[in-house]
Amino acid sequence: MSSLKRLKAVGWFFPVALLVGPAWGSVPPRPGTINYVEGQASVGVQALGEKSVGTAGLAAGQSLSTEAGRVEVLLTPASSSELTIIALCG
């Protein structure tokens, strides 16, 4: 194989590896994971903020509350996720 052909054959690998590489080590999010926080919100007594996105989540029996805020929670269709809304204001 000539040097030019070998360089072309290997040359496509690096851009593809840069795009796909981060996905190899990623862990899929779990049901109950907080995906978005705006305003004041908390899980139990733990206040949620921008840094909570992707790291904080709800466990079975925990409550999520908002005060002039919005929160997005991941529910997975393949699992038996359930969300109970106690009150809607607004």
N, C-alpha and C. Protein backbone atom coordinates (compact mmCIF):
# COMPACT_ATOMS: atom_id res chain seq x y z
N MET A 1 0.86 -1.17 0.00
CA MET A 1 0.00 0.00 0.00
C MET A 1 0.90 1.23 0.00
N SER A 2 0.62 2.15 -0.87
CA SER A 2 1.45 3.35 -0.95
C SER A 2 1.24 4.22 0.28
N SER A 3 2.19 5.12 0.51
CA SER A 3 2.12 6.00 1.68
C SER A 3 0.89 6.90 1.63
N LEU A 4 0.54 7.38 0.44
CA LEU A 4 -0.62 8.26 0.30
C LEU A 4 -1.92 7.52 0.62
N LYS A 5 -2.06 6.30 0.13
CA LYS A 5 -3.26 5.53 0.41
C LYS A 5 -3.35 5.20 1.90
N ARG A 6 -2.23 4.87 2.51
CA ARG A 6 -2.22 4.55 3.94
C ARG A 6 -2.60 5.79 4.75
N LEU A 7 -2.10 6.95 4.34
CA LEU A 7 -2.41 8.19 5.03
C LEU A 7 -3.90 8.50 4.92
N LYS A 8 -4.49 8.29 3.74
CA LYS A 8 -5.93 8.51 3.55
C LYS A 8 -6.74 7.52 4.38
N ALA A 9 -6.29 6.27 4.42
CA ALA A 9 -7.02 5.25 5.16
C ALA A 9 -7.04 5.55 6.66
N VAL A 10 -5.94 6.06 7.17
CA VAL A 10 -5.86 6.37 8.60
C VAL A 10 -6.40 7.76 8.88
N GLY A 11 -6.37 8.65 7.90
CA GLY A 11 -6.76 10.04 8.09
C GLY A 11 -8.21 10.23 8.50
N TRP A 12 -9.10 9.38 8.09
CA TRP A 12 -10.52 9.51 8.46
C TRP A 12 -10.77 9.10 9.90
N PHE A 13 -9.87 8.28 10.47
CA PHE A 13 -10.09 7.74 11.80
C PHE A 13 -10.10 8.83 12.88
N PHE A 14 -9.20 9.77 12.84
CA PHE A 14 -9.08 10.75 13.91
C PHE A 14 -10.28 11.69 14.04
N PRO A 15 -10.81 12.24 12.94
CA PRO A 15 -12.02 13.07 13.10
C PRO A 15 -13.20 12.28 13.64
N VAL A 16 -13.36 11.04 13.19
CA VAL A 16 -14.45 10.21 13.67
C VAL A 16 -14.25 9.89 15.15
N ALA A 17 -13.04 9.59 15.56
CA ALA A 17 -12.75 9.28 16.97
C ALA A 17 -13.04 10.48 17.87
N LEU A 18 -12.77 11.68 17.38
CA LEU A 18 -13.06 12.88 18.17
C LEU A 18 -14.55 13.08 18.37
N LEU A 19 -15.35 12.73 17.37
CA LEU A 19 -16.80 12.88 17.48
C LEU A 19 -17.44 11.79 18.33
N VAL A 20 -16.96 10.57 18.20
CA VAL A 20 -17.57 9.43 18.87
C VAL A 20 -16.95 9.17 20.23
N GLY A 21 -15.74 9.58 20.44
CA GLY A 21 -14.99 9.30 21.66
C GLY A 21 -15.72 9.62 22.94
N PRO A 22 -16.29 10.82 23.10
CA PRO A 22 -16.97 11.12 24.36
C PRO A 22 -18.13 10.18 24.67
N ALA A 23 -18.76 9.63 23.68
CA ALA A 23 -19.91 8.73 23.91
C ALA A 23 -19.47 7.39 24.47
N TRP A 24 -18.22 6.99 24.25
CA TRP A 24 -17.76 5.68 24.73
C TRP A 24 -17.78 5.62 26.25
N GLY A 25 -17.41 6.71 26.91
CA GLY A 25 -17.32 6.69 28.36
C GLY A 25 -18.55 7.24 29.06
N SER A 26 -19.55 7.65 28.32
CA SER A 26 -20.71 8.28 28.96
C SER A 26 -21.65 7.24 29.55
N VAL A 27 -22.30 7.64 30.62
CA VAL A 27 -23.27 6.79 31.29
C VAL A 27 -24.65 7.34 30.96
N PRO A 28 -25.58 6.50 30.51
CA PRO A 28 -26.91 7.02 30.18
C PRO A 28 -27.62 7.55 31.43
N PRO A 29 -28.41 8.61 31.28
CA PRO A 29 -29.10 9.17 32.44
C PRO A 29 -30.14 8.20 32.99
N ARG A 30 -30.37 8.29 34.28
CA ARG A 30 -31.34 7.42 34.95
C ARG A 30 -32.69 8.13 35.05
N PRO A 31 -33.77 7.39 35.11
CA PRO A 31 -35.08 8.03 35.35
C PRO A 31 -35.03 8.81 36.66
N GLY A 32 -35.63 9.99 36.66
CA GLY A 32 -35.62 10.84 37.84
C GLY A 32 -34.52 11.89 37.81
N THR A 33 -33.64 11.82 36.80
CA THR A 33 -32.55 12.80 36.69
C THR A 33 -33.12 14.17 36.36
N ILE A 34 -32.59 15.20 37.00
CA ILE A 34 -33.01 16.58 36.74
C ILE A 34 -32.31 17.06 35.47
N ASN A 35 -33.11 17.43 34.46
CA ASN A 35 -32.56 17.86 33.16
C ASN A 35 -32.51 19.37 33.00
N TYR A 36 -33.31 20.11 33.75
CA TYR A 36 -33.38 21.56 33.58
C TYR A 36 -33.90 22.18 34.87
N VAL A 37 -33.31 23.29 35.27
CA VAL A 37 -33.76 24.02 36.45
C VAL A 37 -33.78 25.50 36.12
N GLU A 38 -34.90 26.13 36.44
CA GLU A 38 -35.04 27.59 36.27
C GLU A 38 -35.76 28.11 37.50
N GLY A 39 -35.22 29.13 38.14
CA GLY A 39 -35.85 29.69 39.33
C GLY A 39 -35.53 28.88 40.57
N GLN A 40 -36.43 28.94 41.54
CA GLN A 40 -36.22 28.25 42.82
C GLN A 40 -36.90 26.89 42.80
N ALA A 41 -36.12 25.86 43.09
CA ALA A 41 -36.65 24.50 43.13
C ALA A 41 -35.83 23.70 44.13
N SER A 42 -36.44 22.62 44.63
CA SER A 42 -35.71 21.77 45.57
C SER A 42 -36.24 20.34 45.52
N VAL A 43 -35.36 19.42 45.85
CA VAL A 43 -35.72 18.02 46.06
C VAL A 43 -35.57 17.80 47.55
N GLY A 44 -36.70 17.63 48.23
CA GLY A 44 -36.67 17.58 49.70
C GLY A 44 -36.18 18.91 50.23
N VAL A 45 -35.09 18.91 50.98
CA VAL A 45 -34.52 20.16 51.50
C VAL A 45 -33.32 20.62 50.68
N GLN A 46 -32.93 19.85 49.67
CA GLN A 46 -31.77 20.19 48.84
C GLN A 46 -32.19 21.16 47.73
N ALA A 47 -31.63 22.38 47.77
CA ALA A 47 -31.92 23.37 46.74
C ALA A 47 -31.28 22.94 45.42
N LEU A 48 -31.99 23.19 44.33
CA LEU A 48 -31.49 22.87 42.99
C LEU A 48 -31.05 24.14 42.28
N GLY A 49 -30.01 24.04 41.50
CA GLY A 49 -29.53 25.15 40.70
C GLY A 49 -29.01 24.63 39.38
N GLU A 50 -28.36 25.50 38.61
CA GLU A 50 -27.85 25.10 37.29
C GLU A 50 -26.86 23.94 37.40
N LYS A 51 -26.09 23.90 38.47
CA LYS A 51 -25.10 22.83 38.64
C LYS A 51 -25.75 21.49 38.99
N SER A 52 -27.02 21.51 39.33
CA SER A 52 -27.74 20.27 39.66
C SER A 52 -28.14 19.49 38.42
N VAL A 53 -28.19 20.15 37.28
CA VAL A 53 -28.63 19.52 36.04
C VAL A 53 -27.69 18.35 35.69
N GLY A 54 -28.29 17.19 35.52
CA GLY A 54 -27.52 16.00 35.15
C GLY A 54 -26.91 15.26 36.31
N THR A 55 -26.84 15.89 37.49
CA THR A 55 -26.24 15.22 38.64
C THR A 55 -27.27 14.92 39.72
N ALA A 56 -28.23 15.79 39.92
CA ALA A 56 -29.26 15.58 40.94
C ALA A 56 -30.40 14.76 40.34
N GLY A 57 -31.13 14.11 41.21
CA GLY A 57 -32.25 13.34 40.72
C GLY A 57 -33.21 12.99 41.84
N LEU A 58 -34.33 12.45 41.45
CA LEU A 58 -35.35 12.02 42.40
C LEU A 58 -35.25 10.52 42.61
N ALA A 59 -35.36 10.11 43.85
CA ALA A 59 -35.43 8.70 44.18
C ALA A 59 -36.89 8.39 44.54
N ALA A 60 -37.21 7.13 44.63
CA ALA A 60 -38.58 6.73 44.97
C ALA A 60 -38.99 7.36 46.29
N GLY A 61 -40.17 7.98 46.31
CA GLY A 61 -40.71 8.59 47.52
C GLY A 61 -40.27 10.02 47.78
N GLN A 62 -39.31 10.55 47.01
CA GLN A 62 -38.87 11.92 47.22
C GLN A 62 -39.84 12.90 46.58
N SER A 63 -39.83 14.14 47.07
CA SER A 63 -40.71 15.16 46.50
C SER A 63 -39.88 16.27 45.87
N LEU A 64 -40.42 16.82 44.81
CA LEU A 64 -39.83 17.94 44.08
C LEU A 64 -40.76 19.12 44.25
N SER A 65 -40.22 20.26 44.64
CA SER A 65 -41.07 21.45 44.76
C SER A 65 -40.41 22.63 44.07
N THR A 66 -41.25 23.52 43.54
CA THR A 66 -40.78 24.73 42.87
C THR A 66 -41.44 25.94 43.50
N GLU A 67 -40.72 27.03 43.56
CA GLU A 67 -41.22 28.33 44.01
C GLU A 67 -40.86 29.31 42.89
N ALA A 68 -41.82 29.68 42.09
CA ALA A 68 -41.55 30.56 40.95
C ALA A 68 -40.43 29.98 40.09
N GLY A 69 -40.51 28.70 39.80
CA GLY A 69 -39.47 28.06 39.01
C GLY A 69 -40.03 26.96 38.13
N ARG A 70 -39.13 26.38 37.36
CA ARG A 70 -39.48 25.27 36.47
C ARG A 70 -38.39 24.21 36.56
N VAL A 71 -38.80 22.96 36.49
CA VAL A 71 -37.85 21.85 36.54
C VAL A 71 -38.30 20.81 35.52
N GLU A 72 -37.33 20.25 34.82
CA GLU A 72 -37.61 19.15 33.89
C GLU A 72 -36.97 17.89 34.47
N VAL A 73 -37.76 16.81 34.56
CA VAL A 73 -37.30 15.55 35.12
C VAL A 73 -37.41 14.47 34.05
N LEU A 74 -36.38 13.64 33.94
CA LEU A 74 -36.38 12.57 32.96
C LEU A 74 -37.23 11.40 33.43
N LEU A 75 -38.18 11.01 32.62
CA LEU A 75 -38.97 9.79 32.83
C LEU A 75 -38.70 8.89 31.64
N THR A 76 -38.36 7.65 31.88
CA THR A 76 -38.01 6.74 30.81
C THR A 76 -39.21 5.89 30.42
N PRO A 77 -39.58 5.89 29.13
CA PRO A 77 -40.75 5.13 28.70
C PRO A 77 -40.61 3.62 28.94
N ALA A 78 -39.39 3.10 28.88
CA ALA A 78 -39.20 1.66 29.02
C ALA A 78 -39.31 1.20 30.46
N SER A 79 -39.24 2.13 31.39
CA SER A 79 -39.35 1.74 32.80
C SER A 79 -40.74 2.12 33.32
N SER A 80 -41.02 1.77 34.53
CA SER A 80 -42.33 2.10 35.10
C SER A 80 -42.21 3.38 35.94
N SER A 81 -41.91 4.49 35.30
CA SER A 81 -41.81 5.78 35.97
C SER A 81 -43.21 6.31 36.23
N GLU A 82 -43.35 7.01 37.35
CA GLU A 82 -44.64 7.60 37.69
C GLU A 82 -44.38 8.94 38.36
N LEU A 83 -45.18 9.93 38.04
CA LEU A 83 -45.06 11.26 38.61
C LEU A 83 -46.44 11.68 39.10
N THR A 84 -46.53 12.11 40.34
CA THR A 84 -47.80 12.56 40.91
C THR A 84 -47.69 14.05 41.16
N ILE A 85 -48.61 14.82 40.61
CA ILE A 85 -48.64 16.27 40.82
C ILE A 85 -49.67 16.56 41.92
N ILE A 86 -49.20 17.22 42.96
CA ILE A 86 -50.06 17.50 44.10
C ILE A 86 -50.87 18.79 43.86
N ALA A 87 -50.22 19.80 43.33
CA ALA A 87 -50.91 21.07 43.10
C ALA A 87 -50.33 21.78 41.90
N LEU A 88 -51.20 22.40 41.12
CA LEU A 88 -50.78 23.24 40.00
C LEU A 88 -51.19 24.66 40.31
N CYS A 89 -50.22 25.56 40.25
CA CYS A 89 -50.51 26.98 40.51
C CYS A 89 -50.16 27.76 39.27
N GLY A 90 -51.01 28.65 38.92
CA GLY A 90 -50.74 29.41 37.91
C GLY A 90 -50.67 30.01 36.75
